[in-house]
Amino acid sequence: MKFKDYYELMGVSRDASGDDIKRAYRRLARKYHPDVSKEPDAEERFKEIGEAYEVLRDPEKRAAYDKLGSRWKEGQEFRPPPDWDFQFEGARDAGAFSDFFENLFGGPAGHAGARQSTFRGRGFDRQADVGITLEEAFSGAERTLSLEQVVSGADGRPQSRARQLNVRIPAGVIEGQQIRLAGQGDPGIGGGPAGDLFLRVRLLPHLLFKVNGRDVDLELPVAPWEAALGATVRVPTLAGKVDLRIPKGSQSGQQLRLKGKGLPGPPPGDQHVVLKVVMPAAETEAQEELYRNMAKLMPMNPRESMERQS
């Protein structure tokens, strides 16, 4: 079924006022009235204009149509969404409106003398991003969000209205996770239920940790003697500092695991600690002599395997 652009049929912009729409209707109705018009498609055009005016003249119907129309894209087969639930009561004039109108609104109000109708529809769901720190993802947090909501003004034009919403961020949320806030989406129409608001979590960059799902990675600098001889060092985690045993003979790039020290969840993530051996600079003659002695006592060629392959 083809989507009907009622604004295009009326020759008005999407932000046209109620008075603009009324003037456009009167002008087009005079032009295409079947009793006076000489246009070959006057009767069909007159019918289309009346249908467009029936929707755009009413602030609630127009608001519903605007929200639905924003989801439609050129070339796609149009179908009302599954949660579209409009109900009309009142007299009907069979055949007065198109299949598009019938499918969208479930039955027209009919002619000018039978336009007393009621309808209800669920508001549309909305989605917004919320940026949180890794610490907030670990412990949970409360946020006050400022959201823009589109409503229909008294003149029939869509208007943007700001509102604030207090939100509880649960502990253990991960990147891309959606938090559903029931009834916090667009308001319903004609007394229908409001839609839901889905908050998509975005984790802000952290100075120490990188996140992979519920796991976190930490690059840990260690001294050569700590790596060579083994040591116990204090390591930061999201829950606070803990002791980590570095095995004797550890190498740069070696990974150690702190089980359950990632983001909480079923199951909780782990913290992966990647060792980075940091060589101290030789700034004195004694320090240089120490390196020369090391070279004599522990001769090695770290490029040996590379040289064998070249």
Protein backbone atom coordinates (compact mmCIF):
# COMPACT_ATOMS: atom_id res chain seq x y z
CA MET A 1 0.00 0.00 0.00
CA LYS A 2 1.33 3.42 -0.96
CA PHE A 3 1.92 6.00 1.75
CA LYS A 4 -0.14 9.18 1.24
CA ASP A 5 1.68 12.47 1.80
CA TYR A 6 -1.18 14.66 2.95
CA TYR A 7 1.04 17.74 3.12
CA GLU A 8 2.02 17.33 -0.50
CA LEU A 9 -1.62 16.83 -1.51
CA MET A 10 -2.53 20.07 0.24
CA GLY A 11 0.52 21.95 -1.08
CA VAL A 12 1.65 23.02 2.40
CA SER A 13 4.78 22.50 4.47
CA ARG A 14 4.94 20.07 7.39
CA ASP A 15 5.06 22.99 9.84
CA ALA A 16 2.05 24.77 8.34
CA SER A 17 -0.37 26.32 10.82
CA GLY A 18 -4.00 25.31 11.15
CA ASP A 19 -5.04 28.50 9.36
CA ASP A 20 -2.62 27.76 6.49
CA ILE A 21 -4.16 24.32 6.08
CA LYS A 22 -7.68 25.70 6.16
CA ARG A 23 -6.86 28.30 3.47
CA ALA A 24 -5.21 25.66 1.30
CA TYR A 25 -8.24 23.41 1.61
CA ARG A 26 -10.69 26.14 0.64
CA ARG A 27 -8.61 27.09 -2.38
CA LEU A 28 -8.22 23.51 -3.60
CA ALA A 29 -11.84 22.59 -2.85
CA ARG A 30 -13.03 25.43 -5.09
CA LYS A 31 -10.60 24.38 -7.81
CA TYR A 32 -11.53 20.68 -7.85
CA HIS A 33 -15.18 20.68 -6.82
CA PRO A 34 -16.81 18.23 -9.29
CA ASP A 35 -19.78 20.53 -9.92
CA VAL A 36 -17.64 23.40 -11.21
CA SER A 37 -14.20 22.04 -12.08
CA LYS A 38 -13.18 21.20 -15.63
CA GLU A 39 -10.16 19.17 -14.52
CA PRO A 40 -10.35 15.57 -15.83
CA ASP A 41 -9.52 14.09 -12.39
CA ALA A 42 -11.48 16.64 -10.38
CA GLU A 43 -13.61 14.13 -8.47
CA GLU A 44 -10.61 12.03 -7.37
CA ARG A 45 -8.57 15.10 -6.45
CA PHE A 46 -11.48 16.56 -4.48
CA LYS A 47 -11.75 13.30 -2.55
CA GLU A 48 -8.00 13.23 -1.79
CA ILE A 49 -8.01 16.84 -0.61
CA GLY A 50 -10.95 16.19 1.70
CA GLU A 51 -9.18 13.18 3.18
CA ALA A 52 -5.97 15.16 3.73
CA TYR A 53 -7.90 17.98 5.37
CA GLU A 54 -9.77 15.51 7.60
CA VAL A 55 -6.42 14.46 9.08
CA LEU A 56 -4.45 17.72 9.12
CA ARG A 57 -7.28 19.89 10.49
CA ASP A 58 -7.40 17.88 13.73
CA PRO A 59 -4.39 18.40 16.08
CA GLU A 60 -4.51 14.87 17.50
CA LYS A 61 -4.92 13.13 14.15
CA ARG A 62 -2.20 15.32 12.69
CA ALA A 63 0.19 14.53 15.53
CA ALA A 64 -0.42 10.81 15.04
CA TYR A 65 0.10 11.09 11.28
CA ASP A 66 3.30 13.12 11.72
CA LYS A 67 4.83 10.53 14.03
CA LEU A 68 3.91 7.71 11.71
CA GLY A 69 5.06 9.54 8.60
CA SER A 70 8.51 10.22 10.03
CA ARG A 71 9.18 6.48 9.97
CA TRP A 72 8.22 5.94 6.32
CA LYS A 73 10.88 6.00 3.62
CA GLU A 74 10.52 6.40 -0.13
CA GLY A 75 10.16 3.12 -1.97
CA GLN A 76 9.09 1.06 1.02
CA GLU A 77 5.76 -0.73 1.17
CA PHE A 78 3.71 1.04 3.81
CA ARG A 79 2.07 -0.84 6.66
CA PRO A 80 0.92 0.59 10.01
CA PRO A 81 3.15 -0.66 12.87
CA PRO A 82 1.87 -3.61 14.94
CA ASP A 83 1.13 -1.40 17.95
CA TRP A 84 -0.96 1.06 15.92
CA ASP A 85 -4.39 0.90 17.58
CA PHE A 86 -6.75 3.68 16.58
CA GLN A 87 -10.45 3.26 17.24
CA PHE A 88 -13.16 5.44 15.71
CA GLU A 89 -16.75 5.71 16.85
CA GLY A 90 -19.46 7.44 14.91
CA ALA A 91 -21.12 7.52 11.52
CA ARG A 92 -19.20 6.25 8.50
CA ASP A 93 -19.53 7.15 4.86
CA ALA A 94 -18.41 4.01 3.05
CA GLY A 95 -16.01 4.71 0.24
CA ALA A 96 -15.43 8.32 1.23
CA PHE A 97 -11.82 7.67 2.16
CA SER A 98 -8.93 5.69 0.74
CA ASP A 99 -7.61 2.30 1.79
CA PHE A 100 -4.64 4.13 3.30
CA PHE A 101 -6.94 6.10 5.58
CA GLU A 102 -9.01 3.01 6.44
CA ASN A 103 -5.91 1.00 7.36
CA LEU A 104 -4.42 3.84 9.33
CA PHE A 105 -7.42 5.01 11.31
CA GLY A 106 -9.76 2.02 11.23
CA GLY A 107 -12.69 3.92 9.72
CA PRO A 108 -13.39 7.57 8.86
CA ALA A 109 -15.50 10.06 10.66
CA GLY A 110 -17.31 10.52 7.36
CA HIS A 111 -18.78 13.75 6.05
CA ALA A 112 -18.93 17.15 7.72
CA GLY A 113 -22.09 16.28 9.61
CA ALA A 114 -20.66 13.08 11.08
CA ARG A 115 -17.20 14.10 12.22
CA GLN A 116 -17.82 13.46 15.90
CA SER A 117 -15.33 10.64 16.53
CA THR A 118 -13.03 9.33 19.18
CA PHE A 119 -9.84 7.38 18.67
CA ARG A 120 -6.94 6.18 20.73
CA GLY A 121 -3.44 5.11 19.87
CA ARG A 122 -0.33 4.02 21.72
CA GLY A 123 2.46 6.59 21.67
CA PHE A 124 5.63 5.78 19.75
CA ASP A 125 8.70 4.39 21.45
CA ARG A 126 11.71 6.67 21.60
CA GLN A 127 15.45 6.01 21.85
CA ALA A 128 18.21 8.14 23.33
CA ASP A 129 21.87 7.65 24.19
CA VAL A 130 23.19 8.06 27.73
CA GLY A 131 26.93 8.38 28.34
CA ILE A 132 28.18 7.00 31.65
CA THR A 133 31.56 6.42 33.25
CA LEU A 134 32.95 2.95 33.81
CA GLU A 135 32.64 3.50 37.56
CA GLU A 136 28.92 4.29 37.12
CA ALA A 137 28.50 1.13 35.02
CA PHE A 138 30.15 -0.86 37.83
CA SER A 139 28.25 0.61 40.79
CA GLY A 140 25.07 1.98 39.18
CA ALA A 141 24.06 5.63 39.17
CA GLU A 142 21.19 8.08 39.04
CA ARG A 143 20.95 10.57 36.22
CA THR A 144 18.70 13.48 35.34
CA LEU A 145 18.21 13.58 31.57
CA SER A 146 16.87 16.45 29.48
CA LEU A 147 14.77 15.14 26.60
CA GLU A 148 12.94 16.81 23.74
CA GLN A 149 9.37 15.68 23.12
CA VAL A 150 7.28 16.54 20.05
CA VAL A 151 3.69 17.49 20.84
CA SER A 152 0.91 19.15 18.90
CA GLY A 153 0.37 22.81 19.70
CA ALA A 154 -2.97 24.59 19.94
CA ASP A 155 -2.60 25.79 16.35
CA GLY A 156 -2.02 22.24 15.07
CA ARG A 157 1.71 22.65 14.47
CA PRO A 158 4.15 20.09 15.90
CA GLN A 159 6.06 21.69 18.76
CA SER A 160 9.14 20.61 20.71
CA ARG A 161 8.82 20.51 24.48
CA ALA A 162 11.70 19.94 26.91
CA ARG A 163 11.25 17.66 29.90
CA GLN A 164 13.51 16.24 32.60
CA LEU A 165 13.55 12.62 33.63
CA ASN A 166 15.26 11.01 36.62
CA VAL A 167 16.78 7.70 35.58
CA ARG A 168 18.35 4.90 37.60
CA ILE A 169 21.28 3.25 35.80
CA PRO A 170 21.57 -0.33 37.10
CA ALA A 171 24.96 -1.77 38.07
CA GLY A 172 26.55 -3.98 35.44
CA VAL A 173 25.30 -2.29 32.26
CA ILE A 174 27.55 -2.71 29.22
CA GLU A 175 28.23 -0.80 26.01
CA GLY A 176 25.19 -0.76 23.71
CA GLN A 177 22.80 -2.20 26.28
CA GLN A 178 19.30 -0.74 26.26
CA ILE A 179 17.47 0.30 29.40
CA ARG A 180 13.69 0.26 28.95
CA LEU A 181 11.67 2.93 30.73
CA ALA A 182 8.04 1.93 30.37
CA GLY A 183 5.62 4.73 29.56
CA GLN A 184 8.32 7.37 29.11
CA GLY A 185 8.14 7.58 25.31
CA ASP A 186 5.78 9.74 23.26
CA PRO A 187 2.38 10.32 24.86
CA GLY A 188 -0.58 8.32 23.65
CA ILE A 189 -3.29 9.87 21.53
CA GLY A 190 -6.92 10.03 22.57
CA GLY A 191 -6.14 8.56 25.98
CA GLY A 192 -4.02 5.74 24.60
CA PRO A 193 -0.99 4.46 26.53
CA ALA A 194 2.36 6.21 26.19
CA GLY A 195 5.22 4.56 24.37
CA ASP A 196 8.43 3.43 26.02
CA LEU A 197 11.82 5.12 26.19
CA PHE A 198 14.89 3.01 25.43
CA LEU A 199 18.20 4.39 26.71
CA ARG A 200 21.24 3.05 24.85
CA VAL A 201 24.31 2.92 27.09
CA ARG A 202 27.52 4.53 25.85
CA LEU A 203 30.59 3.98 28.06
CA LEU A 204 32.89 6.98 28.23
CA PRO A 205 36.64 6.38 27.68
CA HIS A 206 38.63 5.57 30.82
CA LEU A 207 42.19 6.59 31.65
CA LEU A 208 43.24 3.13 32.89
CA PHE A 209 40.82 0.48 31.68
CA LYS A 210 39.60 -0.73 28.30
CA VAL A 211 36.30 -2.57 28.16
CA ASN A 212 35.39 -5.73 26.24
CA GLY A 213 31.84 -6.74 27.11
CA ARG A 214 31.93 -7.29 30.87
CA ASP A 215 35.71 -7.83 30.92
CA VAL A 216 38.15 -4.98 31.51
CA ASP A 217 41.80 -4.79 30.42
CA LEU A 218 44.59 -2.99 32.27
CA GLU A 219 48.15 -2.46 31.09
CA LEU A 220 50.43 -2.75 34.16
CA PRO A 221 53.98 -1.35 34.09
CA VAL A 222 56.48 -3.53 35.97
CA ALA A 223 60.21 -3.19 36.64
CA PRO A 224 62.63 -5.72 35.07
CA TRP A 225 63.50 -7.22 38.45
CA GLU A 226 59.79 -7.62 39.30
CA ALA A 227 59.28 -9.54 36.08
CA ALA A 228 62.51 -11.56 36.43
CA LEU A 229 62.33 -12.43 40.12
CA GLY A 230 58.57 -12.29 40.71
CA ALA A 231 56.80 -9.84 42.99
CA THR A 232 53.51 -8.93 44.62
CA VAL A 233 52.23 -5.52 43.52
CA ARG A 234 49.10 -3.41 44.16
CA VAL A 235 46.80 -3.25 41.15
CA PRO A 236 43.76 -0.96 40.61
CA THR A 237 40.39 -2.57 39.89
CA LEU A 238 36.89 -1.14 39.59
CA ALA A 239 36.23 -2.30 43.15
CA GLY A 240 39.47 -0.89 44.58
CA LYS A 241 43.12 -1.95 44.74
CA VAL A 242 44.08 -5.62 45.19
CA ASP A 243 47.34 -7.58 45.48
CA LEU A 244 48.55 -9.33 42.31
CA ARG A 245 51.30 -11.94 42.25
CA ILE A 246 53.62 -11.55 39.26
CA PRO A 247 55.20 -14.93 38.48
CA LYS A 248 58.99 -15.28 38.29
CA GLY A 249 60.28 -14.94 34.74
CA SER A 250 57.29 -12.95 33.42
CA GLN A 251 57.56 -11.25 30.04
CA SER A 252 56.18 -8.07 28.50
CA GLY A 253 52.76 -8.75 26.98
CA GLN A 254 52.03 -11.62 29.36
CA GLN A 255 48.42 -11.59 30.58
CA LEU A 256 47.25 -12.33 34.12
CA ARG A 257 43.60 -12.71 35.12
CA LEU A 258 41.74 -11.35 38.12
CA LYS A 259 38.58 -13.45 38.12
CA GLY A 260 35.31 -11.60 38.72
CA LYS A 261 36.94 -8.16 38.85
CA GLY A 262 35.24 -6.85 35.72
CA LEU A 263 31.70 -5.49 35.43
CA PRO A 264 29.07 -7.25 37.57
CA GLY A 265 26.56 -9.51 35.90
CA PRO A 266 25.42 -13.05 35.40
CA PRO A 267 28.27 -14.03 35.30
CA PRO A 268 30.56 -11.11 36.27
CA GLY A 269 33.41 -10.19 33.97
CA ASP A 270 37.12 -10.59 34.64
CA GLN A 271 39.97 -8.13 34.71
CA HIS A 272 42.87 -8.96 32.40
CA VAL A 273 46.20 -7.46 33.44
CA VAL A 274 48.74 -7.14 30.61
CA LEU A 275 52.32 -6.78 31.85
CA LYS A 276 54.57 -4.13 30.33
CA VAL A 277 58.22 -4.39 31.39
CA VAL A 278 59.63 -0.87 31.68
CA MET A 279 63.42 -0.52 31.44
CA PRO A 280 64.98 2.18 33.63
CA ALA A 281 67.29 4.63 31.87
CA ALA A 282 71.02 4.40 32.66
CA GLU A 283 71.77 7.94 33.80
CA THR A 284 75.04 7.42 35.71
CA GLU A 285 78.29 5.60 35.07
CA ALA A 286 77.43 3.07 37.79
CA GLN A 287 74.08 2.31 36.15
CA GLU A 288 75.73 1.85 32.77
CA GLU A 289 78.26 -0.50 34.34
CA LEU A 290 75.38 -2.50 35.80
CA TYR A 291 73.91 -3.01 32.32
CA ARG A 292 77.34 -4.05 30.97
CA ASN A 293 77.67 -6.60 33.74
CA MET A 294 74.19 -7.92 32.96
CA ALA A 295 75.18 -8.35 29.33
CA LYS A 296 78.20 -10.40 30.41
CA LEU A 297 76.38 -12.49 33.01
CA MET A 298 73.18 -13.07 31.00
CA PRO A 299 74.13 -13.05 27.31
CA MET A 300 71.12 -13.34 25.01
CA ASN A 301 69.98 -12.39 21.52
CA PRO A 302 66.30 -11.35 21.71
CA ARG A 303 66.14 -11.34 17.87
CA GLU A 304 67.42 -14.88 17.43
CA SER A 305 64.15 -16.40 16.25
CA MET A 306 63.56 -13.48 13.88
CA GLU A 307 67.01 -13.90 12.36
CA ARG A 308 66.44 -17.61 11.79
CA GLN A 309 63.33 -16.88 9.76
CA SER A 310 64.86 -14.12 7.61
